[in-house]
N, C-alpha and C. Protein backbone atom coordinates (compact mmCIF):
# COMPACT_ATOMS: atom_id res chain seq x y z
N UNK A 1 -4.22 7.08 13.31
CA UNK A 1 -4.64 7.02 11.92
C UNK A 1 -3.43 6.86 11.00
N UNK A 2 -3.53 6.00 10.01
CA UNK A 2 -2.43 5.86 9.06
C UNK A 2 -2.20 7.16 8.31
N UNK A 3 -0.95 7.42 7.93
CA UNK A 3 -0.67 8.64 7.18
C UNK A 3 -0.82 8.44 5.68
N UNK A 4 -1.42 7.33 5.30
CA UNK A 4 -1.70 7.09 3.88
C UNK A 4 -3.21 7.12 3.68
N UNK A 5 -3.61 7.46 2.49
CA UNK A 5 -5.03 7.49 2.18
C UNK A 5 -5.55 6.07 1.97
N UNK A 6 -6.82 5.85 2.30
CA UNK A 6 -7.36 4.50 2.06
C UNK A 6 -7.40 4.20 0.56
N UNK A 7 -7.36 2.93 0.24
CA UNK A 7 -7.44 2.55 -1.17
C UNK A 7 -8.80 2.90 -1.72
N UNK A 8 -8.82 3.46 -2.88
CA UNK A 8 -10.07 3.80 -3.54
C UNK A 8 -10.02 3.25 -4.96
N UNK A 9 -11.17 3.16 -5.56
CA UNK A 9 -11.24 2.69 -6.93
C UNK A 9 -10.97 3.85 -7.87
N UNK A 10 -10.00 3.68 -8.71
CA UNK A 10 -9.63 4.70 -9.68
C UNK A 10 -10.52 4.53 -10.92
N UNK A 11 -11.33 5.53 -11.23
CA UNK A 11 -12.20 5.41 -12.41
C UNK A 11 -11.42 5.12 -13.69
N UNK A 12 -10.20 5.65 -13.79
CA UNK A 12 -9.37 5.36 -14.96
C UNK A 12 -9.05 3.88 -15.03
N UNK A 13 -8.78 3.29 -13.87
CA UNK A 13 -8.47 1.87 -13.82
C UNK A 13 -9.65 1.02 -14.23
N UNK A 14 -10.82 1.41 -13.78
CA UNK A 14 -12.03 0.66 -14.14
C UNK A 14 -12.25 0.73 -15.65
N UNK A 15 -12.08 1.91 -16.22
CA UNK A 15 -12.23 2.05 -17.67
C UNK A 15 -11.21 1.19 -18.41
N UNK A 16 -9.97 1.21 -17.93
CA UNK A 16 -8.91 0.43 -18.54
C UNK A 16 -9.24 -1.06 -18.48
N UNK A 17 -9.64 -1.54 -17.30
CA UNK A 17 -9.97 -2.96 -17.15
C UNK A 17 -11.19 -3.33 -17.99
N UNK A 18 -12.18 -2.46 -18.03
CA UNK A 18 -13.38 -2.73 -18.82
C UNK A 18 -13.02 -2.81 -20.29
N UNK A 19 -12.22 -1.86 -20.76
CA UNK A 19 -11.80 -1.86 -22.16
C UNK A 19 -11.07 -3.14 -22.50
N UNK A 20 -10.07 -3.47 -21.66
CA UNK A 20 -9.26 -4.66 -21.94
C UNK A 20 -10.07 -5.95 -21.88
N UNK A 21 -10.93 -6.09 -20.88
CA UNK A 21 -11.62 -7.37 -20.70
C UNK A 21 -12.75 -7.57 -21.71
N UNK A 22 -13.48 -6.53 -22.02
CA UNK A 22 -14.65 -6.70 -22.88
C UNK A 22 -14.38 -6.38 -24.34
N UNK A 23 -13.73 -5.28 -24.59
CA UNK A 23 -13.54 -4.88 -25.98
C UNK A 23 -12.38 -5.60 -26.66
N UNK A 24 -11.36 -5.92 -25.89
CA UNK A 24 -10.20 -6.61 -26.48
C UNK A 24 -10.19 -8.09 -26.13
N UNK A 25 -11.19 -8.53 -25.37
CA UNK A 25 -11.32 -9.94 -25.00
C UNK A 25 -10.07 -10.46 -24.28
N UNK A 26 -9.57 -9.65 -23.37
CA UNK A 26 -8.41 -10.03 -22.56
C UNK A 26 -8.92 -10.65 -21.26
N UNK A 27 -8.34 -11.75 -20.81
CA UNK A 27 -8.76 -12.30 -19.52
C UNK A 27 -8.58 -11.25 -18.42
N UNK A 28 -9.51 -11.21 -17.47
CA UNK A 28 -9.51 -10.17 -16.44
C UNK A 28 -8.19 -10.13 -15.68
N UNK A 29 -7.64 -11.28 -15.32
CA UNK A 29 -6.39 -11.27 -14.56
C UNK A 29 -5.25 -10.66 -15.37
N UNK A 30 -5.22 -10.90 -16.65
CA UNK A 30 -4.19 -10.29 -17.50
C UNK A 30 -4.40 -8.78 -17.57
N UNK A 31 -5.64 -8.34 -17.65
CA UNK A 31 -5.94 -6.91 -17.69
C UNK A 31 -5.52 -6.25 -16.38
N UNK A 32 -5.76 -6.93 -15.25
CA UNK A 32 -5.35 -6.40 -13.95
C UNK A 32 -3.84 -6.24 -13.89
N UNK A 33 -3.13 -7.25 -14.34
CA UNK A 33 -1.66 -7.20 -14.33
C UNK A 33 -1.15 -6.03 -15.18
N UNK A 34 -1.76 -5.84 -16.33
CA UNK A 34 -1.35 -4.75 -17.22
C UNK A 34 -1.62 -3.40 -16.56
N UNK A 35 -2.78 -3.28 -15.90
CA UNK A 35 -3.12 -2.02 -15.23
C UNK A 35 -2.14 -1.74 -14.10
N UNK A 36 -1.81 -2.77 -13.33
CA UNK A 36 -0.88 -2.59 -12.21
C UNK A 36 0.49 -2.17 -12.73
N UNK A 37 0.95 -2.79 -13.81
CA UNK A 37 2.23 -2.39 -14.41
C UNK A 37 2.19 -0.94 -14.87
N UNK A 38 1.08 -0.55 -15.52
CA UNK A 38 0.95 0.81 -16.01
C UNK A 38 0.91 1.80 -14.84
N UNK A 39 0.13 1.48 -13.80
CA UNK A 39 0.03 2.36 -12.63
C UNK A 39 1.40 2.52 -11.97
N UNK A 40 2.11 1.40 -11.79
CA UNK A 40 3.43 1.46 -11.15
C UNK A 40 4.39 2.30 -11.96
N UNK A 41 4.35 2.17 -13.28
CA UNK A 41 5.24 2.95 -14.14
C UNK A 41 4.92 4.44 -14.03
N UNK A 42 3.64 4.78 -13.99
CA UNK A 42 3.23 6.19 -13.93
C UNK A 42 3.49 6.81 -12.56
N UNK A 43 3.53 6.00 -11.50
CA UNK A 43 3.67 6.52 -10.14
C UNK A 43 4.97 6.05 -9.47
N UNK A 44 5.94 5.65 -10.27
CA UNK A 44 7.17 5.08 -9.75
C UNK A 44 7.85 5.97 -8.71
N UNK A 45 8.00 7.26 -9.00
CA UNK A 45 8.68 8.17 -8.06
C UNK A 45 7.93 8.27 -6.74
N UNK A 46 6.59 8.37 -6.82
CA UNK A 46 5.76 8.41 -5.60
C UNK A 46 5.93 7.14 -4.77
N UNK A 47 5.89 6.01 -5.45
CA UNK A 47 6.00 4.71 -4.77
C UNK A 47 7.35 4.58 -4.10
N UNK A 48 8.42 4.93 -4.79
CA UNK A 48 9.76 4.84 -4.23
C UNK A 48 9.90 5.77 -3.02
N UNK A 49 9.37 6.98 -3.11
CA UNK A 49 9.45 7.92 -2.00
C UNK A 49 8.69 7.38 -0.78
N UNK A 50 7.54 6.78 -0.99
CA UNK A 50 6.77 6.23 0.13
C UNK A 50 7.47 5.04 0.76
N UNK A 51 8.07 4.19 -0.06
CA UNK A 51 8.81 3.04 0.47
C UNK A 51 9.99 3.54 1.30
N UNK A 52 10.72 4.52 0.81
CA UNK A 52 11.86 5.06 1.56
C UNK A 52 11.41 5.68 2.88
N UNK A 53 10.31 6.41 2.86
CA UNK A 53 9.78 7.02 4.08
C UNK A 53 9.40 5.94 5.09
N UNK A 54 8.75 4.88 4.61
CA UNK A 54 8.36 3.79 5.51
C UNK A 54 9.58 3.07 6.07
N UNK A 55 10.61 2.85 5.26
CA UNK A 55 11.81 2.19 5.74
C UNK A 55 12.51 3.01 6.83
N UNK A 56 12.46 4.34 6.72
CA UNK A 56 13.06 5.21 7.75
C UNK A 56 12.33 5.05 9.08
N UNK A 57 11.04 4.71 9.03
CA UNK A 57 10.26 4.55 10.26
C UNK A 57 10.56 3.24 10.98
N UNK A 58 11.10 2.26 10.27
CA UNK A 58 11.39 0.97 10.86
C UNK A 58 12.74 1.02 11.58
N UNK A 59 12.75 0.59 12.85
CA UNK A 59 13.99 0.59 13.60
C UNK A 59 14.38 -0.81 14.08
N UNK A 60 13.75 -1.82 13.54
CA UNK A 60 14.08 -3.19 13.89
C UNK A 60 13.29 -3.75 15.07
N UNK A 61 12.42 -2.93 15.64
CA UNK A 61 11.62 -3.41 16.76
C UNK A 61 10.24 -3.83 16.29
N UNK A 62 9.63 -4.79 16.99
CA UNK A 62 8.25 -5.16 16.62
C UNK A 62 7.30 -3.97 16.70
N UNK A 63 7.52 -3.07 17.65
CA UNK A 63 6.65 -1.90 17.79
C UNK A 63 6.66 -1.01 16.55
N UNK A 64 7.84 -0.85 15.94
CA UNK A 64 7.90 -0.01 14.74
C UNK A 64 7.16 -0.66 13.58
N UNK A 65 7.21 -1.99 13.51
CA UNK A 65 6.48 -2.71 12.46
C UNK A 65 4.97 -2.55 12.66
N UNK A 66 4.52 -2.75 13.91
CA UNK A 66 3.09 -2.62 14.21
C UNK A 66 2.64 -1.18 13.96
N UNK A 67 3.46 -0.23 14.32
CA UNK A 67 3.14 1.18 14.10
C UNK A 67 2.97 1.47 12.62
N UNK A 68 3.90 0.98 11.82
CA UNK A 68 3.84 1.21 10.37
C UNK A 68 2.60 0.55 9.76
N UNK A 69 2.31 -0.68 10.17
CA UNK A 69 1.18 -1.41 9.60
C UNK A 69 -0.17 -0.86 10.04
N UNK A 70 -0.25 -0.36 11.28
CA UNK A 70 -1.54 0.10 11.80
C UNK A 70 -1.75 1.59 11.67
N UNK A 71 -0.64 2.33 11.56
CA UNK A 71 -0.76 3.78 11.53
C UNK A 71 -0.82 4.39 12.92
N UNK A 72 -0.73 3.54 13.96
CA UNK A 72 -0.73 4.03 15.33
C UNK A 72 0.69 4.44 15.72
N UNK A 73 0.80 5.48 16.55
CA UNK A 73 2.11 5.88 17.04
C UNK A 73 2.57 4.86 18.08
N UNK A 74 3.88 4.83 18.33
CA UNK A 74 4.43 3.95 19.36
C UNK A 74 3.80 4.31 20.71
N UNK A 75 3.61 5.60 20.94
CA UNK A 75 3.00 6.04 22.20
C UNK A 75 1.59 5.45 22.35
N UNK A 76 0.83 5.49 21.28
CA UNK A 76 -0.55 4.95 21.34
C UNK A 76 -0.52 3.43 21.54
N UNK A 77 0.41 2.75 20.88
CA UNK A 77 0.54 1.30 21.05
C UNK A 77 0.84 0.99 22.52
N UNK A 78 1.74 1.79 23.12
CA UNK A 78 2.07 1.58 24.53
C UNK A 78 0.86 1.86 25.43
N UNK A 79 0.06 2.88 25.09
CA UNK A 79 -1.16 3.16 25.86
C UNK A 79 -2.14 1.99 25.80
N UNK A 80 -2.14 1.29 24.68
CA UNK A 80 -3.05 0.16 24.51
C UNK A 80 -2.50 -1.16 25.05
N UNK A 81 -1.34 -1.10 25.68
CA UNK A 81 -0.78 -2.33 26.26
C UNK A 81 0.60 -2.66 25.78
N UNK A 82 1.07 -1.97 24.76
CA UNK A 82 2.42 -2.18 24.28
C UNK A 82 2.62 -3.49 23.55
N UNK A 83 3.86 -3.79 23.34
CA UNK A 83 4.25 -5.02 22.64
C UNK A 83 4.82 -5.99 23.66
N UNK A 84 4.52 -7.30 23.49
CA UNK A 84 5.08 -8.28 24.41
C UNK A 84 6.60 -8.39 24.22
N UNK A 85 7.30 -8.72 25.31
CA UNK A 85 8.75 -8.93 25.20
C UNK A 85 9.00 -10.15 24.32
N UNK A 86 10.05 -10.11 23.53
CA UNK A 86 10.33 -11.22 22.63
C UNK A 86 11.32 -12.21 23.25
N UNK A 87 11.51 -12.17 24.57
CA UNK A 87 12.42 -13.10 25.24
C UNK A 87 11.79 -14.43 25.42
């Protein structure tokens, strides 16, 4: 299982997008971009900490990349057949 929570819809984000798109007549894509910028600014420290944690998990092997992307441990990946040799 990944150690991150699944993506969920943030009610605050929906309200923000609804306000921007309907009440202020902002194109939806522009409203999305503004929300993403606002979210990133408000959660910058969290985002940076998660990126650093993920980078520590990468050791340059394909297995570490697959492990990070899938949330499976290297041991579990090996139980399922492992990674092919890159030779």
